[in-house]
Amino acid sequence: MGGSARKFSEEFIARQRERLLEMETALLRSDGSENTLVKTALNYSNHRLGDIQRALQKIDNGTYGMSDESGEPIPQSRLEAFPDALYTEREQEEQEEGK
C-alpha cells in the first residue's frame, strides 16, 4: 500500500467524523434478540461497525480517504456518500464479486 496522507479540509474531516460516530452509535443500539432475521442484521451491523471504526481510526492516523487495499485515493464524492468507505469503488466491486 502506498501513497501519502490525503489532504481534506478540516471541516470535511470533522463532518465525516461526526457522521461516522452517529453511525457507530446507531449500530451499537442494535436489538440482541435471537431470531434469524435479527441475527443476519446483527452480522451485517457488526461488519459495518468494523468499517466505521476503521474509518475513524484512519481519520485519527491521517490516512482517511486512502484505500486499505491499494493506497489509492478514494474520491471525496464516494466518502460523502459512504463515510466508512475503505476501498475505491472498483476494489469494493471486486471484493463483492469475490475476485
PDB file of N, CA and C in Angstrom:
ATOM      1  N   MET A   1       0.837  -1.172   0.000  1.00  0.00           N
ATOM      2  CA  MET A   1       0.000   0.000   0.000  1.00  0.00           C
ATOM      3  C   MET A   1       0.878   1.230   0.000  1.00  0.00           C
ATOM      4  N   GLY A   2       0.628   2.112  -0.911  1.00  0.00           N
ATOM      5  CA  GLY A   2       1.454   3.295  -0.997  1.00  0.00           C
ATOM      6  C   GLY A   2       0.644   4.545  -0.812  1.00  0.00           C
ATOM      7  N   GLY A   3       1.252   5.636  -1.205  1.00  0.00           N
ATOM      8  CA  GLY A   3       0.561   6.900  -1.165  1.00  0.00           C
ATOM      9  C   GLY A   3       0.786   7.636   0.134  1.00  0.00           C
ATOM     10  N   SER A   4       0.718   8.931   0.020  1.00  0.00           N
ATOM     11  CA  SER A   4       0.856   9.758   1.215  1.00  0.00           C
ATOM     12  C   SER A   4      -0.523  10.114   1.726  1.00  0.00           C
ATOM     13  N   ALA A   5      -0.554  10.711   2.889  1.00  0.00           N
ATOM     14  CA  ALA A   5      -1.830  11.056   3.516  1.00  0.00           C
ATOM     15  C   ALA A   5      -2.631  11.988   2.607  1.00  0.00           C
ATOM     16  N   ARG A   6      -3.920  11.771   2.564  1.00  0.00           N
ATOM     17  CA  ARG A   6      -4.849  12.572   1.783  1.00  0.00           C
ATOM     18  C   ARG A   6      -5.087  13.891   2.471  1.00  0.00           C
ATOM     19  N   LYS A   7      -5.218  14.971   1.754  1.00  0.00           N
ATOM     20  CA  LYS A   7      -5.477  16.292   2.322  1.00  0.00           C
ATOM     21  C   LYS A   7      -6.934  16.673   2.088  1.00  0.00           C
ATOM     22  N   PHE A   8      -7.702  16.722   3.157  1.00  0.00           N
ATOM     23  CA  PHE A   8      -9.079  17.187   3.122  1.00  0.00           C
ATOM     24  C   PHE A   8      -9.169  18.399   4.036  1.00  0.00           C
ATOM     25  N   SER A   9     -10.188  19.205   3.842  1.00  0.00           N
ATOM     26  CA  SER A   9     -10.368  20.350   4.726  1.00  0.00           C
ATOM     27  C   SER A   9     -10.712  19.864   6.131  1.00  0.00           C
ATOM     28  N   GLU A  10     -10.354  20.654   7.109  1.00  0.00           N
ATOM     29  CA  GLU A  10     -10.678  20.307   8.498  1.00  0.00           C
ATOM     30  C   GLU A  10     -12.187  20.177   8.679  1.00  0.00           C
ATOM     31  N   GLU A  11     -12.943  21.015   7.982  1.00  0.00           N
ATOM     32  CA  GLU A  11     -14.404  20.963   8.059  1.00  0.00           C
ATOM     33  C   GLU A  11     -14.932  19.623   7.539  1.00  0.00           C
ATOM     34  N   PHE A  12     -14.390  19.167   6.406  1.00  0.00           N
ATOM     35  CA  PHE A  12     -14.823  17.887   5.841  1.00  0.00           C
ATOM     36  C   PHE A  12     -14.511  16.751   6.811  1.00  0.00           C
ATOM     37  N   ILE A  13     -13.302  16.732   7.344  1.00  0.00           N
ATOM     38  CA  ILE A  13     -12.909  15.665   8.276  1.00  0.00           C
ATOM     39  C   ILE A  13     -13.786  15.709   9.527  1.00  0.00           C
ATOM     40  N   ALA A  14     -14.058  16.880  10.063  1.00  0.00           N
ATOM     41  CA  ALA A  14     -14.904  16.994  11.257  1.00  0.00           C
ATOM     42  C   ALA A  14     -16.315  16.490  10.966  1.00  0.00           C
ATOM     43  N   ARG A  15     -16.841  16.835   9.792  1.00  0.00           N
ATOM     44  CA  ARG A  15     -18.188  16.386   9.406  1.00  0.00           C
ATOM     45  C   ARG A  15     -18.220  14.862   9.244  1.00  0.00           C
ATOM     46  N   GLN A  16     -17.183  14.305   8.622  1.00  0.00           N
ATOM     47  CA  GLN A  16     -17.129  12.859   8.430  1.00  0.00           C
ATOM     48  C   GLN A  16     -17.000  12.139   9.768  1.00  0.00           C
ATOM     49  N   ARG A  17     -16.159  12.665  10.672  1.00  0.00           N
ATOM     50  CA  ARG A  17     -16.016  12.055  11.995  1.00  0.00           C
ATOM     51  C   ARG A  17     -17.374  12.022  12.705  1.00  0.00           C
ATOM     52  N   GLU A  18     -18.105  13.128  12.663  1.00  0.00           N
ATOM     53  CA  GLU A  18     -19.419  13.197  13.310  1.00  0.00           C
ATOM     54  C   GLU A  18     -20.386  12.192  12.692  1.00  0.00           C
ATOM     55  N   ARG A  19     -20.409  12.097  11.369  1.00  0.00           N
ATOM     56  CA  ARG A  19     -21.292  11.132  10.701  1.00  0.00           C
ATOM     57  C   ARG A  19     -20.940   9.712  11.099  1.00  0.00           C
ATOM     58  N   LEU A  20     -19.642   9.397  11.126  1.00  0.00           N
ATOM     59  CA  LEU A  20     -19.207   8.050  11.493  1.00  0.00           C
ATOM     60  C   LEU A  20     -19.563   7.730  12.942  1.00  0.00           C
ATOM     61  N   LEU A  21     -19.394   8.687  13.833  1.00  0.00           N
ATOM     62  CA  LEU A  21     -19.756   8.455  15.237  1.00  0.00           C
ATOM     63  C   LEU A  21     -21.258   8.241  15.391  1.00  0.00           C
ATOM     64  N   GLU A  22     -22.065   8.973  14.630  1.00  0.00           N
ATOM     65  CA  GLU A  22     -23.524   8.771  14.654  1.00  0.00           C
ATOM     66  C   GLU A  22     -23.871   7.377  14.134  1.00  0.00           C
ATOM     67  N   MET A  23     -23.222   6.944  13.063  1.00  0.00           N
ATOM     68  CA  MET A  23     -23.474   5.609  12.512  1.00  0.00           C
ATOM     69  C   MET A  23     -23.070   4.538  13.521  1.00  0.00           C
ATOM     70  N   GLU A  24     -21.939   4.735  14.176  1.00  0.00           N
ATOM     71  CA  GLU A  24     -21.459   3.781  15.175  1.00  0.00           C
ATOM     72  C   GLU A  24     -22.448   3.675  16.327  1.00  0.00           C
ATOM     73  N   THR A  25     -22.916   4.802  16.820  1.00  0.00           N
ATOM     74  CA  THR A  25     -23.882   4.810  17.926  1.00  0.00           C
ATOM     75  C   THR A  25     -25.162   4.085  17.539  1.00  0.00           C
ATOM     76  N   ALA A  26     -25.661   4.342  16.344  1.00  0.00           N
ATOM     77  CA  ALA A  26     -26.892   3.682  15.887  1.00  0.00           C
ATOM     78  C   ALA A  26     -26.713   2.170  15.830  1.00  0.00           C
ATOM     79  N   LEU A  27     -25.574   1.705  15.347  1.00  0.00           N
ATOM     80  CA  LEU A  27     -25.342   0.259  15.257  1.00  0.00           C
ATOM     81  C   LEU A  27     -25.157  -0.375  16.624  1.00  0.00           C
ATOM     82  N   LEU A  28     -24.570   0.348  17.548  1.00  0.00           N
ATOM     83  CA  LEU A  28     -24.364  -0.204  18.889  1.00  0.00           C
ATOM     84  C   LEU A  28     -25.667  -0.319  19.670  1.00  0.00           C
ATOM     85  N   ARG A  29     -26.716   0.331  19.207  1.00  0.00           N
ATOM     86  CA  ARG A  29     -28.026   0.239  19.856  1.00  0.00           C
ATOM     87  C   ARG A  29     -28.843  -0.940  19.336  1.00  0.00           C
ATOM     88  N   SER A  30     -28.245  -1.809  18.530  1.00  0.00           N
ATOM     89  CA  SER A  30     -28.962  -2.937  17.924  1.00  0.00           C
ATOM     90  C   SER A  30     -29.625  -3.817  18.969  1.00  0.00           C
ATOM     91  N   ASP A  31     -30.755  -4.384  18.590  1.00  0.00           N
ATOM     92  CA  ASP A  31     -31.510  -5.317  19.437  1.00  0.00           C
ATOM     93  C   ASP A  31     -30.768  -6.651  19.501  1.00  0.00           C
ATOM     94  N   GLY A  32     -30.680  -7.248  20.656  1.00  0.00           N
ATOM     95  CA  GLY A  32     -29.958  -8.509  20.822  1.00  0.00           C
ATOM     96  C   GLY A  32     -30.822  -9.741  20.702  1.00  0.00           C
ATOM     97  N   SER A  33     -32.066  -9.658  20.133  1.00  0.00           N
ATOM     98  CA  SER A  33     -32.894 -10.856  20.030  1.00  0.00           C
ATOM     99  C   SER A  33     -32.259 -11.896  19.126  1.00  0.00           C
ATOM    100  N   GLU A  34     -32.784 -13.107  19.195  1.00  0.00           N
ATOM    101  CA  GLU A  34     -32.118 -14.238  18.565  1.00  0.00           C
ATOM    102  C   GLU A  34     -32.776 -14.768  17.295  1.00  0.00           C
ATOM    103  N   ASN A  35     -33.799 -14.114  16.759  1.00  0.00           N
ATOM    104  CA  ASN A  35     -34.397 -14.689  15.546  1.00  0.00           C
ATOM    105  C   ASN A  35     -33.451 -14.521  14.352  1.00  0.00           C
ATOM    106  N   THR A  36     -33.670 -15.306  13.312  1.00  0.00           N
ATOM    107  CA  THR A  36     -32.754 -15.376  12.174  1.00  0.00           C
ATOM    108  C   THR A  36     -32.586 -14.039  11.476  1.00  0.00           C
ATOM    109  N   LEU A  37     -33.671 -13.327  11.257  1.00  0.00           N
ATOM    110  CA  LEU A  37     -33.585 -12.036  10.590  1.00  0.00           C
ATOM    111  C   LEU A  37     -32.725 -11.075  11.412  1.00  0.00           C
ATOM    112  N   VAL A  38     -32.925 -11.071  12.703  1.00  0.00           N
ATOM    113  CA  VAL A  38     -32.145 -10.186  13.571  1.00  0.00           C
ATOM    114  C   VAL A  38     -30.678 -10.623  13.577  1.00  0.00           C
ATOM    115  N   LYS A  39     -30.413 -11.949  13.594  1.00  0.00           N
ATOM    116  CA  LYS A  39     -29.026 -12.428  13.560  1.00  0.00           C
ATOM    117  C   LYS A  39     -28.337 -11.968  12.273  1.00  0.00           C
ATOM    118  N   THR A  40     -29.047 -12.067  11.156  1.00  0.00           N
ATOM    119  CA  THR A  40     -28.482 -11.623   9.885  1.00  0.00           C
ATOM    120  C   THR A  40     -28.194 -10.129   9.931  1.00  0.00           C
ATOM    121  N   ALA A  41     -29.135  -9.374  10.452  1.00  0.00           N
ATOM    122  CA  ALA A  41     -28.943  -7.929  10.570  1.00  0.00           C
ATOM    123  C   ALA A  41     -27.783  -7.606  11.502  1.00  0.00           C
ATOM    124  N   LEU A  42     -27.654  -8.348  12.588  1.00  0.00           N
ATOM    125  CA  LEU A  42     -26.560  -8.111  13.522  1.00  0.00           C
ATOM    126  C   LEU A  42     -25.211  -8.452  12.901  1.00  0.00           C
ATOM    127  N   ASN A  43     -25.149  -9.521  12.103  1.00  0.00           N
ATOM    128  CA  ASN A  43     -23.903  -9.854  11.408  1.00  0.00           C
ATOM    129  C   ASN A  43     -23.492  -8.724  10.470  1.00  0.00           C
ATOM    130  N   TYR A  44     -24.473  -8.209   9.717  1.00  0.00           N
ATOM    131  CA  TYR A  44     -24.201  -7.077   8.827  1.00  0.00           C
ATOM    132  C   TYR A  44     -23.772  -5.867   9.649  1.00  0.00           C
ATOM    133  N   SER A  45     -24.484  -5.619  10.749  1.00  0.00           N
ATOM    134  CA  SER A  45     -24.165  -4.471  11.598  1.00  0.00           C
ATOM    135  C   SER A  45     -22.766  -4.578  12.177  1.00  0.00           C
ATOM    136  N   ASN A  46     -22.376  -5.761  12.590  1.00  0.00           N
ATOM    137  CA  ASN A  46     -21.033  -5.954  13.138  1.00  0.00           C
ATOM    138  C   ASN A  46     -19.958  -5.683  12.087  1.00  0.00           C
ATOM    139  N   HIS A  47     -20.205  -6.139  10.859  1.00  0.00           N
ATOM    140  CA  HIS A  47     -19.268  -5.873   9.765  1.00  0.00           C
ATOM    141  C   HIS A  47     -19.191  -4.368   9.500  1.00  0.00           C
ATOM    142  N   ARG A  48     -20.357  -3.758   9.433  1.00  0.00           N
ATOM    143  CA  ARG A  48     -20.414  -2.307   9.175  1.00  0.00           C
ATOM    144  C   ARG A  48     -19.761  -1.537  10.310  1.00  0.00           C
ATOM    145  N   LEU A  49     -19.988  -1.964  11.542  1.00  0.00           N
ATOM    146  CA  LEU A  49     -19.378  -1.318  12.695  1.00  0.00           C
ATOM    147  C   LEU A  49     -17.855  -1.368  12.591  1.00  0.00           C
ATOM    148  N   GLY A  50     -17.325  -2.500  12.161  1.00  0.00           N
ATOM    149  CA  GLY A  50     -15.886  -2.621  11.966  1.00  0.00           C
ATOM    150  C   GLY A  50     -15.367  -1.629  10.934  1.00  0.00           C
ATOM    151  N   ASP A  51     -16.112  -1.452   9.837  1.00  0.00           N
ATOM    152  CA  ASP A  51     -15.717  -0.492   8.802  1.00  0.00           C
ATOM    153  C   ASP A  51     -15.762   0.937   9.349  1.00  0.00           C
ATOM    154  N   ILE A  52     -16.789   1.238  10.128  1.00  0.00           N
ATOM    155  CA  ILE A  52     -16.927   2.575  10.711  1.00  0.00           C
ATOM    156  C   ILE A  52     -15.764   2.850  11.663  1.00  0.00           C
ATOM    157  N   GLN A  53     -15.462   1.881  12.509  1.00  0.00           N
ATOM    158  CA  GLN A  53     -14.370   2.063  13.465  1.00  0.00           C
ATOM    159  C   GLN A  53     -13.027   2.175  12.741  1.00  0.00           C
ATOM    160  N   ARG A  54     -12.852   1.436  11.654  1.00  0.00           N
ATOM    161  CA  ARG A  54     -11.619   1.532  10.866  1.00  0.00           C
ATOM    162  C   ARG A  54     -11.513   2.928  10.235  1.00  0.00           C
ATOM    163  N   ALA A  55     -12.623   3.447   9.716  1.00  0.00           N
ATOM    164  CA  ALA A  55     -12.613   4.787   9.117  1.00  0.00           C
ATOM    165  C   ALA A  55     -12.263   5.844  10.167  1.00  0.00           C
ATOM    166  N   LEU A  56     -12.809   5.704  11.366  1.00  0.00           N
ATOM    167  CA  LEU A  56     -12.463   6.638  12.449  1.00  0.00           C
ATOM    168  C   LEU A  56     -10.974   6.542  12.788  1.00  0.00           C
ATOM    169  N   GLN A  57     -10.449   5.326  12.801  1.00  0.00           N
ATOM    170  CA  GLN A  57      -9.022   5.120  13.061  1.00  0.00           C
ATOM    171  C   GLN A  57      -8.185   5.802  11.978  1.00  0.00           C
ATOM    172  N   LYS A  58      -8.634   5.689  10.727  1.00  0.00           N
ATOM    173  CA  LYS A  58      -7.911   6.304   9.618  1.00  0.00           C
ATOM    174  C   LYS A  58      -7.945   7.825   9.722  1.00  0.00           C
ATOM    175  N   ILE A  59      -9.048   8.400  10.202  1.00  0.00           N
ATOM    176  CA  ILE A  59      -9.087   9.840  10.441  1.00  0.00           C
ATOM    177  C   ILE A  59      -8.022  10.206  11.471  1.00  0.00           C
ATOM    178  N   ASP A  60      -7.976   9.435  12.550  1.00  0.00           N
ATOM    179  CA  ASP A  60      -7.014   9.715  13.625  1.00  0.00           C
ATOM    180  C   ASP A  60      -5.563   9.606  13.161  1.00  0.00           C
ATOM    181  N   ASN A  61      -5.268   8.638  12.263  1.00  0.00           N
ATOM    182  CA  ASN A  61      -3.866   8.474  11.863  1.00  0.00           C
ATOM    183  C   ASN A  61      -3.523   9.173  10.549  1.00  0.00           C
ATOM    184  N   GLY A  62      -4.481   9.945  10.012  1.00  0.00           N
ATOM    185  CA  GLY A  62      -4.202  10.758   8.832  1.00  0.00           C
ATOM    186  C   GLY A  62      -4.251  10.036   7.506  1.00  0.00           C
ATOM    187  N   THR A  63      -4.846   8.840   7.467  1.00  0.00           N
ATOM    188  CA  THR A  63      -4.920   8.095   6.205  1.00  0.00           C
ATOM    189  C   THR A  63      -6.348   7.977   5.675  1.00  0.00           C
ATOM    190  N   TYR A  64      -7.283   8.740   6.251  1.00  0.00           N
ATOM    191  CA  TYR A  64      -8.671   8.714   5.774  1.00  0.00           C
ATOM    192  C   TYR A  64      -8.693   9.130   4.307  1.00  0.00           C
ATOM    193  N   GLY A  65      -9.438   8.386   3.513  1.00  0.00           N
ATOM    194  CA  GLY A  65      -9.550   8.687   2.090  1.00  0.00           C
ATOM    195  C   GLY A  65      -8.553   7.937   1.225  1.00  0.00           C
ATOM    196  N   MET A  66      -7.760   7.066   1.844  1.00  0.00           N
ATOM    197  CA  MET A  66      -6.824   6.231   1.106  1.00  0.00           C
ATOM    198  C   MET A  66      -7.302   4.778   1.219  1.00  0.00           C
ATOM    199  N   SER A  67      -7.297   4.058   0.125  1.00  0.00           N
ATOM    200  CA  SER A  67      -7.753   2.670   0.106  1.00  0.00           C
ATOM    201  C   SER A  67      -6.909   1.790   1.012  1.00  0.00           C
ATOM    202  N   ASP A  68      -7.570   0.941   1.791  1.00  0.00           N
ATOM    203  CA  ASP A  68      -6.862  -0.042   2.610  1.00  0.00           C
ATOM    204  C   ASP A  68      -6.162  -1.087   1.743  1.00  0.00           C
ATOM    205  N   GLU A  69      -6.675  -1.321   0.546  1.00  0.00           N
ATOM    206  CA  GLU A  69      -6.106  -2.352  -0.314  1.00  0.00           C
ATOM    207  C   GLU A  69      -4.909  -1.848  -1.117  1.00  0.00           C
ATOM    208  N   SER A  70      -5.083  -0.733  -1.805  1.00  0.00           N
ATOM    209  CA  SER A  70      -4.056  -0.274  -2.748  1.00  0.00           C
ATOM    210  C   SER A  70      -3.343   1.001  -2.313  1.00  0.00           C
ATOM    211  N   GLY A  71      -3.926   1.722  -1.380  1.00  0.00           N
ATOM    212  CA  GLY A  71      -3.362   3.008  -1.002  1.00  0.00           C
ATOM    213  C   GLY A  71      -3.775   4.122  -1.944  1.00  0.00           C
ATOM    214  N   GLU A  72      -4.579   3.794  -2.961  1.00  0.00           N
ATOM    215  CA  GLU A  72      -5.055   4.806  -3.903  1.00  0.00           C
ATOM    216  C   GLU A  72      -6.066   5.721  -3.217  1.00  0.00           C
ATOM    217  N   PRO A  73      -6.172   6.967  -3.681  1.00  0.00           N
ATOM    218  CA  PRO A  73      -7.154   7.881  -3.102  1.00  0.00           C
ATOM    219  C   PRO A  73      -8.582   7.427  -3.403  1.00  0.00           C
ATOM    220  N   ILE A  74      -9.442   7.577  -2.415  1.00  0.00           N
ATOM    221  CA  ILE A  74     -10.879   7.337  -2.580  1.00  0.00           C
ATOM    222  C   ILE A  74     -11.492   8.703  -2.852  1.00  0.00           C
ATOM    223  N   PRO A  75     -12.253   8.863  -3.936  1.00  0.00           N
ATOM    224  CA  PRO A  75     -12.815  10.171  -4.258  1.00  0.00           C
ATOM    225  C   PRO A  75     -13.669  10.730  -3.105  1.00  0.00           C
ATOM    226  N   GLN A  76     -13.572  12.039  -2.919  1.00  0.00           N
ATOM    227  CA  GLN A  76     -14.333  12.684  -1.855  1.00  0.00           C
ATOM    228  C   GLN A  76     -15.830  12.441  -2.033  1.00  0.00           C
ATOM    229  N   SER A  77     -16.303  12.409  -3.271  1.00  0.00           N
ATOM    230  CA  SER A  77     -17.732  12.173  -3.508  1.00  0.00           C
ATOM    231  C   SER A  77     -18.150  10.798  -2.980  1.00  0.00           C
ATOM    232  N   ARG A  78     -17.285   9.804  -3.097  1.00  0.00           N
ATOM    233  CA  ARG A  78     -17.586   8.462  -2.556  1.00  0.00           C
ATOM    234  C   ARG A  78     -17.626   8.519  -1.035  1.00  0.00           C
ATOM    235  N   LEU A  79     -16.682   9.241  -0.441  1.00  0.00           N
ATOM    236  CA  LEU A  79     -16.649   9.354   1.022  1.00  0.00           C
ATOM    237  C   LEU A  79     -17.860  10.122   1.551  1.00  0.00           C
ATOM    238  N   GLU A  80     -18.344  11.091   0.779  1.00  0.00           N
ATOM    239  CA  GLU A  80     -19.547  11.806   1.198  1.00  0.00           C
ATOM    240  C   GLU A  80     -20.760  10.879   1.183  1.00  0.00           C
ATOM    241  N   ALA A  81     -20.811   9.989   0.196  1.00  0.00           N
ATOM    242  CA  ALA A  81     -21.926   9.032   0.109  1.00  0.00           C
ATOM    243  C   ALA A  81     -21.769   7.896   1.114  1.00  0.00           C
ATOM    244  N   PHE A  82     -20.533   7.445   1.305  1.00  0.00           N
ATOM    245  CA  PHE A  82     -20.226   6.324   2.197  1.00  0.00           C
ATOM    246  C   PHE A  82     -19.049   6.729   3.083  1.00  0.00           C
ATOM    247  N   PRO A  83     -19.300   7.402   4.214  1.00  0.00           N
ATOM    248  CA  PRO A  83     -18.199   7.877   5.047  1.00  0.00           C
ATOM    249  C   PRO A  83     -17.283   6.769   5.544  1.00  0.00           C
ATOM    250  N   ASP A  84     -17.795   5.538   5.562  1.00  0.00           N
ATOM    251  CA  ASP A  84     -16.994   4.409   6.042  1.00  0.00           C
ATOM    252  C   ASP A  84     -16.325   3.634   4.908  1.00  0.00           C
ATOM    253  N   ALA A  85     -16.261   4.212   3.705  1.00  0.00           N
ATOM    254  CA  ALA A  85     -15.618   3.538   2.573  1.00  0.00           C
ATOM    255  C   ALA A  85     -14.137   3.333   2.870  1.00  0.00           C
ATOM    256  N   LEU A  86     -13.679   2.106   2.689  1.00  0.00           N
ATOM    257  CA  LEU A  86     -12.279   1.763   2.930  1.00  0.00           C
ATOM    258  C   LEU A  86     -11.546   1.427   1.640  1.00  0.00           C
ATOM    259  N   TYR A  87     -12.309   1.335   0.539  1.00  0.00           N
ATOM    260  CA  TYR A  87     -11.751   0.926  -0.746  1.00  0.00           C
ATOM    261  C   TYR A  87     -12.303   1.821  -1.849  1.00  0.00           C
ATOM    262  N   THR A  88     -11.603   1.866  -2.976  1.00  0.00           N
ATOM    263  CA  THR A  88     -12.140   2.557  -4.142  1.00  0.00           C
ATOM    264  C   THR A  88     -13.379   1.789  -4.608  1.00  0.00           C
ATOM    265  N   GLU A  89     -14.167   2.421  -5.430  1.00  0.00           N
ATOM    266  CA  GLU A  89     -15.377   1.762  -5.929  1.00  0.00           C
ATOM    267  C   GLU A  89     -15.032   0.475  -6.679  1.00  0.00           C
ATOM    268  N   ARG A  90     -13.987   0.519  -7.505  1.00  0.00           N
ATOM    269  CA  ARG A  90     -13.569  -0.661  -8.263  1.00  0.00           C
ATOM    270  C   ARG A  90     -13.160  -1.793  -7.319  1.00  0.00           C
ATOM    271  N   GLU A  91     -12.366  -1.482  -6.303  1.00  0.00           N
ATOM    272  CA  GLU A  91     -11.918  -2.502  -5.359  1.00  0.00           C
ATOM    273  C   GLU A  91     -13.094  -3.091  -4.588  1.00  0.00           C
ATOM    274  N   GLN A  92     -14.042  -2.249  -4.209  1.00  0.00           N
ATOM    275  CA  GLN A  92     -15.224  -2.718  -3.488  1.00  0.00           C
ATOM    276  C   GLN A  92     -16.032  -3.680  -4.362  1.00  0.00           C
ATOM    277  N   GLU A  93     -16.216  -3.310  -5.628  1.00  0.00           N
ATOM    278  CA  GLU A  93     -16.959  -4.178  -6.547  1.00  0.00           C
ATOM    279  C   GLU A  93     -16.252  -5.522  -6.718  1.00  0.00           C
ATOM    280  N   GLU A  94     -14.932  -5.489  -6.833  1.00  0.00           N
ATOM    281  CA  GLU A  94     -14.172  -6.741  -6.971  1.00  0.00           C
ATOM    282  C   GLU A  94     -14.327  -7.616  -5.740  1.00  0.00           C
ATOM    283  N   GLN A  95     -14.309  -7.017  -4.570  1.00  0.00           N
ATOM    284  CA  GLN A  95     -14.478  -7.790  -3.339  1.00  0.00           C
ATOM    285  C   GLN A  95     -15.872  -8.416  -3.277  1.00  0.00           C
ATOM    286  N   GLU A  96     -16.869  -7.640  -3.668  1.00  0.00           N
ATOM    287  CA  GLU A  96     -18.242  -8.150  -3.633  1.00  0.00           C
ATOM    288  C   GLU A  96     -18.466  -9.264  -4.653  1.00  0.00           C
ATOM    289  N   GLU A  97     -17.710  -9.216  -5.759  1.00  0.00           N
ATOM    290  CA  GLU A  97     -17.810 -10.264  -6.773  1.00  0.00           C
ATOM    291  C   GLU A  97     -16.951 -11.468  -6.419  1.00  0.00           C
ATOM    292  N   GLY A  98     -16.162 -11.366  -5.358  1.00  0.00           N
ATOM    293  CA  GLY A  98     -15.335 -12.478  -4.919  1.00  0.00           C
ATOM    294  C   GLY A  98     -14.038 -12.647  -5.663  1.00  0.00           C
ATOM    295  N   LYS A  99     -13.559 -11.584  -6.285  1.00  0.00           N
ATOM    296  CA  LYS A  99     -12.310 -11.656  -7.043  1.00  0.00           C
ATOM    297  C   LYS A  99     -11.123 -11.546  -6.128  1.00  0.00           C
TER     298      LYS A  99
END
